[in-house]
Amino acid sequence: MHCHIICFGNGFHGDDAVGIRIYQALIQLAWPAGVQIFEAGITGLNALRLFEACNRALIVDAYHNPETPGAVELFDLARLSRLSPVNYGHAAGIDFLIQALLASDKPLPEIRMVGVGIAGVSPFTSQLTRSVELAIPKAVHLIRQVVAP
């Protein structure tokens, strides 16, 4: 099995940095052979290549959830394609990436996402809100369960 864990986020937009912070926690852990962890940051469509040469791809990112910030959820591809994007003022989030992957003629790996709910973004700060900060260990635990049960 080749599994890519692909962590997205913007370190200058408050809670949107949660994917990057989870990446920093994940690289401190031992993983089975065949598991690779990537920090995709805000690469947009440049991240398409990270979905190649793997059987499974696990996206790690924030998702819009103003009702329950800090909620940690596992999304399959069908549910993922229905998520409301986090509003950055442009249309280049995970939803756009998924649309591009589905339009590709290349074979797709199994795609899932571990998402941390955020209420919104706060430009030009690296601070996470308390609820999102507390979600990091929960997200790491869920990722371990999904990738290396």
Protein backbone atom coordinates (compact mmCIF):
# COMPACT_ATOMS: atom_id res chain seq x y z
CA MET A 1 0.00 0.00 0.00
CA HIS A 2 1.22 3.47 -0.88
CA CYS A 3 -0.57 6.19 1.05
CA HIS A 4 0.01 9.90 0.70
CA ILE A 5 -1.05 12.18 3.55
CA ILE A 6 -1.41 15.62 1.99
CA CYS A 7 -1.71 18.52 4.44
CA PHE A 8 -3.09 21.86 3.25
CA GLY A 9 -3.30 25.24 4.94
CA ASN A 10 -2.24 28.85 5.00
CA GLY A 11 0.04 29.77 7.88
CA PHE A 12 -0.96 33.43 7.56
CA HIS A 13 -4.72 32.91 7.93
CA GLY A 14 -5.29 31.85 11.54
CA ASP A 15 -7.30 28.64 11.78
CA ASP A 16 -6.62 27.79 8.15
CA ALA A 17 -3.10 26.88 9.32
CA VAL A 18 -4.43 23.80 11.11
CA GLY A 19 -3.41 21.47 8.26
CA ILE A 20 0.16 22.73 8.49
CA ARG A 21 0.18 22.34 12.26
CA ILE A 22 -1.11 18.77 11.89
CA TYR A 23 1.65 18.10 9.34
CA GLN A 24 4.22 19.25 11.91
CA ALA A 25 2.80 16.77 14.43
CA LEU A 26 2.61 13.91 11.91
CA ILE A 27 6.25 14.11 10.82
CA GLN A 28 7.31 13.53 14.43
CA LEU A 29 5.74 10.04 14.38
CA ALA A 30 6.88 6.71 12.95
CA TRP A 31 4.80 5.47 10.00
CA PRO A 32 4.61 2.16 8.16
CA ALA A 33 6.56 1.71 4.93
CA GLY A 34 4.68 3.19 2.00
CA VAL A 35 3.25 6.16 3.91
CA GLN A 36 4.50 9.58 2.80
CA ILE A 37 3.51 12.89 4.36
CA PHE A 38 3.46 16.12 2.37
CA GLU A 39 2.97 19.75 3.32
CA ALA A 40 0.99 21.14 0.40
CA GLY A 41 0.39 24.56 1.94
CA ILE A 42 -1.59 26.64 -0.53
CA THR A 43 -0.27 25.00 -3.69
CA GLY A 44 -3.68 24.65 -5.35
CA LEU A 45 -3.55 22.69 -8.59
CA ASN A 46 0.20 22.13 -8.16
CA ALA A 47 -0.84 19.53 -5.56
CA LEU A 48 -2.36 17.31 -8.28
CA ARG A 49 0.97 15.48 -8.59
CA LEU A 50 0.74 14.43 -4.92
CA PHE A 51 -2.24 12.22 -5.81
CA GLU A 52 -0.10 10.16 -8.20
CA ALA A 53 1.84 6.97 -7.40
CA CYS A 54 -0.36 6.04 -4.45
CA ASN A 55 -3.33 3.75 -3.79
CA ARG A 56 -4.74 6.00 -1.08
CA ALA A 57 -4.60 9.74 -0.53
CA LEU A 58 -5.64 11.36 2.73
CA ILE A 59 -6.20 15.10 2.58
CA VAL A 60 -5.78 17.05 5.82
CA ASP A 61 -7.32 20.50 5.85
CA ALA A 62 -9.70 22.94 7.50
CA TYR A 63 -13.33 22.98 6.42
CA HIS A 64 -16.04 25.56 6.97
CA ASN A 65 -18.02 24.65 10.10
CA PRO A 66 -19.09 27.80 11.99
CA GLU A 67 -21.48 25.78 14.17
CA THR A 68 -18.77 23.48 15.60
CA PRO A 69 -15.25 24.89 15.18
CA GLY A 70 -12.71 22.29 16.23
CA ALA A 71 -14.84 19.34 15.10
CA VAL A 72 -12.72 16.59 13.53
CA GLU A 73 -14.38 14.59 10.78
CA LEU A 74 -13.50 11.95 8.21
CA PHE A 75 -14.93 12.61 4.75
CA ASP A 76 -15.14 10.19 1.84
CA LEU A 77 -14.91 11.52 -1.71
CA ALA A 78 -18.70 11.82 -2.14
CA ARG A 79 -19.10 13.88 1.04
CA LEU A 80 -15.94 15.84 0.32
CA SER A 81 -17.26 17.07 -3.00
CA ARG A 82 -20.29 18.57 -1.19
CA LEU A 83 -18.35 20.54 1.43
CA SER A 84 -18.72 24.30 1.54
CA PRO A 85 -15.35 25.83 0.80
CA VAL A 86 -13.56 28.04 3.29
CA ASN A 87 -13.97 31.52 1.83
CA TYR A 88 -10.65 33.08 0.79
CA GLY A 89 -12.12 35.41 -1.79
CA HIS A 90 -11.11 33.07 -4.63
CA ALA A 91 -12.18 29.64 -5.86
CA ALA A 92 -9.03 27.58 -5.41
CA GLY A 93 -9.70 25.43 -2.36
CA ILE A 94 -10.00 21.68 -1.88
CA ASP A 95 -13.34 21.64 -3.71
CA PHE A 96 -11.63 23.02 -6.82
CA LEU A 97 -8.78 20.50 -6.48
CA ILE A 98 -11.28 17.62 -6.22
CA GLN A 99 -13.08 18.83 -9.35
CA ALA A 100 -9.75 18.88 -11.20
CA LEU A 101 -8.89 15.37 -10.00
CA LEU A 102 -12.26 14.03 -11.11
CA ALA A 103 -11.85 15.65 -14.53
CA SER A 104 -8.42 14.06 -14.99
CA ASP A 105 -7.96 11.02 -17.20
CA LYS A 106 -5.45 9.55 -14.74
CA PRO A 107 -6.50 6.78 -12.36
CA LEU A 108 -7.42 8.12 -8.95
CA PRO A 109 -6.37 6.71 -5.61
CA GLU A 110 -8.95 6.24 -2.87
CA ILE A 111 -9.38 9.80 -1.58
CA ARG A 112 -10.55 10.76 1.90
CA MET A 113 -10.12 13.82 4.06
CA VAL A 114 -9.60 14.43 7.74
CA GLY A 115 -11.01 17.89 8.26
CA VAL A 116 -10.97 20.24 11.21
CA GLY A 117 -13.94 22.58 11.36
CA ILE A 118 -13.22 26.28 11.45
CA ALA A 119 -15.56 29.26 11.72
CA GLY A 120 -13.53 31.38 9.32
CA VAL A 121 -10.09 32.73 8.59
CA SER A 122 -8.21 35.60 10.20
CA PRO A 123 -5.80 37.14 7.71
CA PHE A 124 -2.23 37.88 8.76
CA THR A 125 -2.13 35.90 11.97
CA SER A 126 -0.55 32.54 12.68
CA GLN A 127 -2.57 31.98 15.87
CA LEU A 128 -5.18 29.23 16.02
CA THR A 129 -8.32 29.61 18.07
CA ARG A 130 -8.43 27.44 21.18
CA SER A 131 -11.01 25.00 19.79
CA VAL A 132 -8.97 24.41 16.63
CA GLU A 133 -5.71 24.09 18.58
CA LEU A 134 -7.34 21.43 20.79
CA ALA A 135 -8.47 19.54 17.68
CA ILE A 136 -4.90 18.80 16.50
CA PRO A 137 -4.29 15.71 18.72
CA LYS A 138 -7.75 14.39 17.82
CA ALA A 139 -7.00 14.79 14.12
CA VAL A 140 -3.61 13.10 14.48
CA HIS A 141 -5.28 10.18 16.29
CA LEU A 142 -7.91 9.82 13.55
CA ILE A 143 -5.24 9.94 10.83
CA ARG A 144 -3.32 7.15 12.60
CA GLN A 145 -6.52 5.07 12.77
CA VAL A 146 -7.23 5.58 9.07
CA VAL A 147 -3.69 5.02 7.78
CA ALA A 148 -2.19 2.53 10.22
CA PRO A 149 -5.00 0.80 12.15
